[in-house]
Amino acid sequence: MATIEECRAALEKLSDNMQSAEGDVRTAAAMDRSVSCHITDLDVTFVGRLTDGHIVVADTLPGPPPEKAEIRLTMAGDDLVALVEGELNFAKAWGSGRVKLEASLRDLFRLRKLL
């Protein structure tokens, strides 16, 4: 089971990857939205903001997210690490219910370029 520190490191790596992206991926990452990532097996939520092409994690809170972020992810810690490392395909994980992504329809269309 991934630790809180490993999950935070995975989110930082995801942020770094997004910041160095080019083309359509860079354009999709240039949104300004509130973000939460609930790690179910640790029962913690990382909250922050997707802005200027990277994710800024502002806080780590116990339990599910207290407020509804504009972009919401829910998954196990191991799945977050595997996704960022390229060992887990997002579409398959999302389709099987291992990963949940909630956002507005417009944001989902933009985010699909990132995933």
Protein backbone atom coordinates (compact mmCIF):
# COMPACT_ATOMS: atom_id res chain seq x y z
CA MET A 1 0.00 0.00 0.00
CA ALA A 2 1.38 3.41 -0.99
CA THR A 3 2.06 5.88 1.80
CA ILE A 4 0.86 9.48 2.02
CA GLU A 5 4.39 10.60 1.13
CA GLU A 6 4.46 8.36 -1.97
CA CYS A 7 1.06 9.70 -3.07
CA ARG A 8 2.22 13.30 -2.59
CA ALA A 9 5.37 12.52 -4.58
CA ALA A 10 3.24 10.99 -7.36
CA LEU A 11 1.10 14.14 -7.52
CA GLU A 12 4.28 16.26 -7.68
CA LYS A 13 5.63 14.09 -10.50
CA LEU A 14 2.30 14.39 -12.34
CA SER A 15 2.53 18.16 -11.92
CA ASP A 16 6.11 18.17 -13.28
CA ASN A 17 5.04 16.05 -16.25
CA MET A 18 2.17 18.41 -17.03
CA GLN A 19 4.39 21.47 -16.77
CA SER A 20 6.90 20.06 -19.26
CA ALA A 21 4.22 18.91 -21.74
CA GLU A 22 3.85 20.49 -25.16
CA GLY A 23 1.10 21.00 -27.75
CA ASP A 24 -2.45 19.86 -26.97
CA VAL A 25 -1.44 18.40 -23.62
CA ARG A 26 0.09 21.71 -22.53
CA THR A 27 -3.05 23.57 -23.65
CA ALA A 28 -5.30 21.17 -21.72
CA ALA A 29 -3.17 21.54 -18.59
CA ALA A 30 -3.40 25.33 -18.69
CA MET A 31 -6.75 25.34 -16.89
CA ASP A 32 -7.40 27.08 -13.58
CA ARG A 33 -9.51 24.72 -11.46
CA SER A 34 -9.78 23.51 -7.88
CA VAL A 35 -8.67 19.88 -7.55
CA SER A 36 -9.11 17.12 -4.98
CA CYS A 37 -7.65 13.63 -4.97
CA HIS A 38 -9.18 11.28 -2.41
CA ILE A 39 -6.98 8.28 -1.64
CA THR A 40 -9.47 5.66 -0.50
CA ASP A 41 -7.17 3.14 1.19
CA LEU A 42 -5.47 5.87 3.26
CA ASP A 43 -8.72 7.84 3.71
CA VAL A 44 -6.99 11.15 3.00
CA THR A 45 -7.65 13.86 0.44
CA PHE A 46 -5.11 16.07 -1.26
CA VAL A 47 -6.68 19.42 -2.12
CA GLY A 48 -5.23 22.12 -4.27
CA ARG A 49 -5.38 23.84 -7.61
CA LEU A 50 -4.56 23.06 -11.22
CA THR A 51 -3.16 26.34 -12.51
CA ASP A 52 -0.67 27.44 -15.16
CA GLY A 53 -0.04 23.86 -16.22
CA HIS A 54 0.75 22.35 -12.85
CA ILE A 55 -0.91 21.09 -9.69
CA VAL A 56 -0.32 22.94 -6.44
CA VAL A 57 -1.26 20.77 -3.45
CA ALA A 58 -2.36 23.14 -0.70
CA ASP A 59 -3.31 20.65 2.01
CA THR A 60 -3.78 17.01 2.97
CA LEU A 61 -6.99 16.38 4.90
CA PRO A 62 -8.34 13.30 6.67
CA GLY A 63 -11.34 11.61 5.08
CA PRO A 64 -13.21 12.47 1.91
CA PRO A 65 -13.01 16.01 0.51
CA PRO A 66 -14.90 18.50 2.68
CA GLU A 67 -15.79 20.68 -0.31
CA LYS A 68 -16.61 19.78 -3.89
CA ALA A 69 -13.62 20.66 -6.09
CA GLU A 70 -14.12 21.42 -9.78
CA ILE A 71 -11.99 18.36 -10.67
CA ARG A 72 -12.30 15.36 -8.34
CA LEU A 73 -10.25 12.16 -8.43
CA THR A 74 -10.83 9.11 -6.24
CA MET A 75 -8.59 6.04 -6.20
CA ALA A 76 -6.31 3.84 -4.10
CA GLY A 77 -2.80 5.09 -3.41
CA ASP A 78 -1.16 2.25 -5.36
CA ASP A 79 -3.29 3.15 -8.38
CA LEU A 80 -2.21 6.81 -8.22
CA VAL A 81 1.44 5.79 -8.13
CA ALA A 82 0.96 3.26 -10.95
CA LEU A 83 -0.87 5.81 -13.13
CA VAL A 84 1.87 8.40 -12.77
CA GLU A 85 4.59 5.81 -13.38
CA GLY A 86 2.83 4.69 -16.58
CA GLU A 87 2.14 1.21 -15.22
CA LEU A 88 -1.66 1.61 -15.20
CA ASN A 89 -3.72 2.77 -18.15
CA PHE A 90 -6.10 5.54 -17.10
CA ALA A 91 -8.88 4.60 -19.52
CA LYS A 92 -8.92 0.97 -18.37
CA ALA A 93 -8.74 1.94 -14.69
CA TRP A 94 -11.54 4.49 -15.14
CA GLY A 95 -13.68 2.05 -17.13
CA SER A 96 -13.30 -0.64 -14.48
CA GLY A 97 -14.10 1.75 -11.62
CA ARG A 98 -10.63 1.64 -10.04
CA VAL A 99 -10.28 5.37 -10.71
CA LYS A 100 -13.11 7.88 -10.52
CA LEU A 101 -12.92 11.27 -12.21
CA GLU A 102 -15.63 13.86 -11.75
CA ALA A 103 -15.66 17.22 -13.49
CA SER A 104 -17.84 19.33 -15.72
CA LEU A 105 -18.39 18.01 -19.24
CA ARG A 106 -16.27 20.83 -20.66
CA ASP A 107 -13.41 20.03 -18.27
CA LEU A 108 -13.67 16.31 -19.06
CA PHE A 109 -13.20 17.05 -22.76
CA ARG A 110 -10.10 19.12 -22.01
CA LEU A 111 -8.73 16.61 -19.50
CA ARG A 112 -8.97 13.68 -21.92
CA LYS A 113 -5.94 15.14 -23.71
CA LEU A 114 -3.96 14.75 -20.49
CA LEU A 115 -5.02 11.18 -19.92
